[in-house]
Protein backbone atom coordinates (compact mmCIF):
# COMPACT_ATOMS: atom_id res chain seq x y z
CA MET A 1 0.00 0.00 0.00
CA ASN A 2 2.89 2.36 0.71
CA GLN A 3 4.18 1.99 -2.82
CA GLU A 4 0.78 2.70 -4.33
CA ILE A 5 0.56 5.92 -2.30
CA VAL A 6 4.08 6.89 -3.34
CA GLU A 7 3.19 6.36 -6.99
CA LEU A 8 0.01 8.43 -6.60
CA LEU A 9 1.92 11.30 -5.02
CA LYS A 10 4.68 11.26 -7.62
CA HIS A 11 2.06 11.23 -10.36
CA GLU A 12 0.56 14.38 -8.80
CA GLY A 13 4.00 16.00 -8.71
CA CYS A 14 4.71 15.60 -5.00
CA THR A 15 8.34 14.72 -4.31
CA ILE A 16 8.54 15.47 -0.57
CA PHE A 17 6.50 13.12 1.60
CA GLY A 18 6.80 10.63 4.44
CA PHE A 19 4.98 8.16 6.65
CA ALA A 20 4.91 8.60 10.42
CA ASP A 21 4.07 6.26 13.27
CA LEU A 22 1.97 8.44 15.60
CA ARG A 23 1.62 5.96 18.43
CA ILE A 24 4.25 7.85 20.43
CA LEU A 25 1.62 10.62 20.78
CA PRO A 26 -1.31 10.58 23.24
CA ALA A 27 -3.90 8.01 22.16
CA GLU A 28 -7.12 9.88 22.96
CA PRO A 29 -6.76 12.77 20.47
CA ARG A 30 -5.81 10.37 17.65
CA LYS A 31 -8.87 8.13 18.06
CA GLY A 32 -7.24 5.15 16.42
CA LEU A 33 -5.51 7.07 13.64
CA ASP A 34 -2.02 5.72 14.19
CA VAL A 35 -0.30 6.79 10.95
CA GLY A 36 0.39 10.25 9.56
CA ILE A 37 1.25 11.01 5.95
CA ILE A 38 3.08 14.29 5.45
CA MET A 39 3.34 16.07 2.09
CA GLY A 40 5.30 19.17 1.14
CA ALA A 41 5.15 21.77 -1.62
CA PRO A 42 8.35 23.86 -1.94
CA TYR A 43 8.78 27.53 -2.69
CA THR A 44 10.74 28.62 -5.74
CA ALA A 45 14.41 29.50 -5.97
CA GLU A 46 13.46 32.83 -7.53
CA GLY A 47 11.21 33.75 -4.62
CA MET A 48 13.79 32.75 -2.06
CA ARG A 49 16.57 34.66 -3.80
CA GLU A 50 14.47 37.81 -4.26
CA ASN A 51 13.46 37.66 -0.62
CA LEU A 52 17.12 37.84 0.40
CA GLU A 53 17.56 40.80 -1.94
CA GLY A 54 14.80 42.74 -0.20
CA ASP A 55 11.66 41.90 -2.21
CA SER A 56 9.41 39.41 -0.43
CA GLY A 57 6.54 39.69 -2.93
CA LYS A 58 7.41 36.57 -4.92
CA PHE A 59 7.93 34.61 -1.73
CA ALA A 60 4.46 35.62 -0.55
CA ARG A 61 2.91 34.61 -3.88
CA ASP A 62 4.78 31.30 -3.76
CA GLY A 63 3.20 30.62 -0.38
CA GLY A 64 -0.27 31.13 -1.82
CA ALA A 65 0.53 28.98 -4.83
CA THR A 66 1.29 25.96 -2.63
CA PHE A 67 -2.28 25.62 -1.37
CA GLU A 68 -3.64 24.09 -4.58
CA PRO A 69 -1.07 21.30 -4.94
CA LEU A 70 -1.17 20.48 -1.24
CA GLU A 71 -4.94 20.19 -1.31
CA ARG A 72 -4.69 18.02 -4.41
CA TYR A 73 -2.11 15.73 -2.83
CA THR A 74 -4.12 15.21 0.36
CA LYS A 75 -7.41 14.66 -1.45
CA THR A 76 -5.81 12.15 -3.82
CA VAL A 77 -4.35 10.10 -0.97
CA ALA A 78 -7.54 10.40 1.10
CA ARG A 79 -9.66 9.08 -1.78
CA TYR A 80 -7.31 6.15 -2.22
CA LEU A 81 -7.32 5.23 1.47
CA ARG A 82 -11.09 5.51 1.74
CA SER A 83 -11.50 3.35 -1.36
CA LYS A 84 -9.58 0.68 0.55
CA GLY A 85 -11.91 1.00 3.55
CA TYR A 86 -9.65 3.08 5.78
CA LYS A 87 -10.17 6.45 7.46
CA ALA A 88 -8.35 9.54 6.24
CA ASN A 89 -8.60 12.74 8.29
CA TYR A 90 -7.04 15.86 6.84
CA LYS A 91 -9.45 18.62 7.83
CA LYS A 92 -9.74 18.22 11.59
CA TYR A 93 -6.49 16.63 12.68
CA ARG A 94 -5.10 19.94 13.96
CA LYS A 95 -7.87 19.92 16.56
CA MET A 96 -6.22 16.74 17.84
CA LEU A 97 -3.20 18.88 18.83
CA ILE A 98 -1.07 17.19 16.17
CA THR A 99 0.90 19.59 13.98
CA ASP A 100 2.36 19.23 10.50
CA LYS A 101 5.82 19.68 12.00
CA THR A 102 5.25 16.84 14.45
CA VAL A 103 4.19 14.52 11.64
CA GLY A 104 7.21 15.72 9.67
CA THR A 105 9.75 14.83 12.36
CA LEU A 106 8.05 11.51 13.11
CA SER A 107 8.11 10.66 9.40
CA GLY A 108 11.85 11.30 9.21
CA ILE A 109 11.67 13.93 6.44
CA GLY A 110 13.04 16.69 8.64
CA TRP A 111 13.73 18.22 12.03
CA ILE A 112 12.87 21.45 13.83
CA GLY A 113 15.48 24.06 12.96
CA ARG A 114 16.70 27.07 14.91
CA CYS A 115 13.93 29.03 13.17
CA ALA A 116 11.29 26.68 14.69
CA LEU A 117 10.25 25.46 11.23
CA LEU A 118 10.54 21.97 9.84
CA VAL A 119 13.88 21.78 8.02
CA THR A 120 14.29 19.16 5.31
CA LYS A 121 17.47 18.08 3.58
CA ALA A 122 15.60 18.43 0.28
CA VAL A 123 14.76 22.16 0.43
CA GLY A 124 15.47 23.26 4.00
CA PRO A 125 12.44 25.00 5.53
CA ALA A 126 11.36 26.39 2.13
CA LEU A 127 8.06 24.55 1.86
CA ARG A 128 4.51 24.40 3.12
CA LEU A 129 3.18 21.20 4.61
CA SER A 130 -0.03 19.23 4.70
CA ALA A 131 -0.74 16.02 6.57
CA LEU A 132 -3.47 13.47 6.90
CA LEU A 133 -4.05 10.87 9.57
CA THR A 134 -5.20 7.34 8.86
CA ASN A 135 -5.76 3.93 10.41
CA ALA A 136 -4.26 2.17 7.39
CA PRO A 137 -1.47 -0.32 8.23
CA LEU A 138 1.36 1.52 6.50
CA GLU A 139 5.10 1.09 6.92
CA CYS A 140 6.62 4.13 8.65
CA ALA A 141 10.07 5.66 8.67
CA THR A 142 12.41 6.17 11.60
CA PRO A 143 11.65 9.48 13.36
CA ILE A 144 14.19 12.27 13.65
CA THR A 145 14.49 13.19 17.32
CA GLU A 146 17.12 15.94 17.34
CA SER A 147 18.28 18.82 15.19
CA GLN A 148 20.52 18.12 12.23
CA CYS A 149 21.44 21.78 11.84
CA PRO A 150 25.24 22.16 12.08
CA ALA A 151 26.12 23.36 15.56
CA ASP A 152 28.26 26.17 14.16
CA CYS A 153 25.67 27.43 11.64
CA THR A 154 23.96 30.63 12.77
CA ALA A 155 22.87 31.96 9.37
CA CYS A 156 19.19 32.24 10.31
CA ALA A 157 19.93 33.79 13.71
CA ASP A 158 22.34 36.31 12.18
CA ILE A 159 19.84 37.54 9.59
CA CYS A 160 16.75 37.65 11.83
CA PRO A 161 15.70 41.32 12.17
CA THR A 162 14.20 40.84 15.64
CA GLN A 163 16.66 38.35 17.17
CA ALA A 164 13.84 35.84 17.58
CA ILE A 165 16.26 32.92 17.26
CA LYS A 166 18.00 32.09 20.51
CA GLU A 167 20.91 29.82 21.32
CA GLY A 168 20.37 26.10 21.52
CA LEU A 169 19.06 23.38 19.24
CA TRP A 170 15.83 21.42 19.15
CA GLU A 171 15.43 17.85 20.27
CA ARG A 172 12.30 15.93 21.10
CA GLY A 173 10.90 17.13 24.40
CA VAL A 174 12.45 20.61 24.18
CA HIS A 175 9.78 23.30 23.98
CA ARG A 176 10.00 25.83 21.16
CA ASP A 177 10.21 28.73 23.61
CA GLU A 178 13.60 27.53 24.76
CA PHE A 179 15.24 28.31 21.41
CA PHE A 180 12.78 30.59 19.61
CA ASP A 181 10.83 33.76 20.55
CA VAL A 182 7.56 33.52 18.60
CA ASN A 183 6.35 36.97 19.68
CA ALA A 184 9.50 38.63 18.38
CA CYS A 185 9.06 36.73 15.11
CA LYS A 186 5.49 38.02 14.75
CA LYS A 187 6.73 41.59 15.12
CA GLY A 188 9.32 41.00 12.44
CA ARG A 189 6.72 39.60 10.03
CA ARG A 190 4.49 42.62 10.55
CA ALA A 191 7.38 44.99 9.95
CA ARG A 192 8.58 43.31 6.78
CA GLN A 193 5.52 43.27 4.56
CA PRO A 194 4.05 41.24 3.00
CA MET A 195 6.15 38.52 4.65
CA CYS A 196 9.55 38.03 6.22
CA GLY A 197 10.99 34.54 5.81
CA LEU A 198 14.62 35.66 5.77
CA CYS A 199 15.51 32.67 7.93
CA ILE A 200 14.02 30.41 5.26
CA SER A 201 15.83 32.06 2.36
CA VAL A 202 19.24 32.14 4.02
CA CYS A 203 19.23 28.53 5.24
CA PRO A 204 22.10 26.56 3.64
CA PHE A 205 19.77 23.58 3.14
CA THR A 206 17.36 25.83 1.22
CA LYS A 207 20.11 27.27 -0.96
CA LYS A 208 21.55 23.86 -1.75
CA GLY A 209 18.19 22.22 -2.37
CA LEU A 210 16.81 24.96 -4.61
CA GLY A 211 20.16 25.69 -6.25
CA TYR A 212 20.94 29.37 -5.60
CA GLN A 213 23.48 31.43 -3.70
């Protein structure tokens, strides 16, 4: 069944995805949905590069443009799972206190970076995410439980206009507030209209994955 889902996603143009065992999370909110499928839609190299150069307009438009493919990916997989007699929840799972980033780390596609976003080796944090939860018996990957950001890399912290990024690295069990000031970040986003995202654009994983300097 995993392979059929992989083929469906690739046919739809999705190249960043993973399967997560959610049983490490509290059982009651999940209601028997033990597997998460995470899907990503990346931003463009042009938008990321222009954002670093001071124009965040393309980056903002890229963000909006990801909604259609993400919705298409999730609906395609949900239809497939339901056709096999399984549940597929992609509209209400956030009410279960399960985030896209949590599914992402448990699926092994990425970790939480200094910027408090999911960082992937494919495109860094330069992507939007969508997840669905299911009770299908799928094979899942090994979770990532600690940051894979180089200890000496401070590119995102150095460029942050509000110093929202603190010292320290994420690992499972460490609360975001210990390494990231979300309120400072919100101020920075309001000041740099229409969006900020400098930490995304400057990330070495983003630059390498999207192919720009």
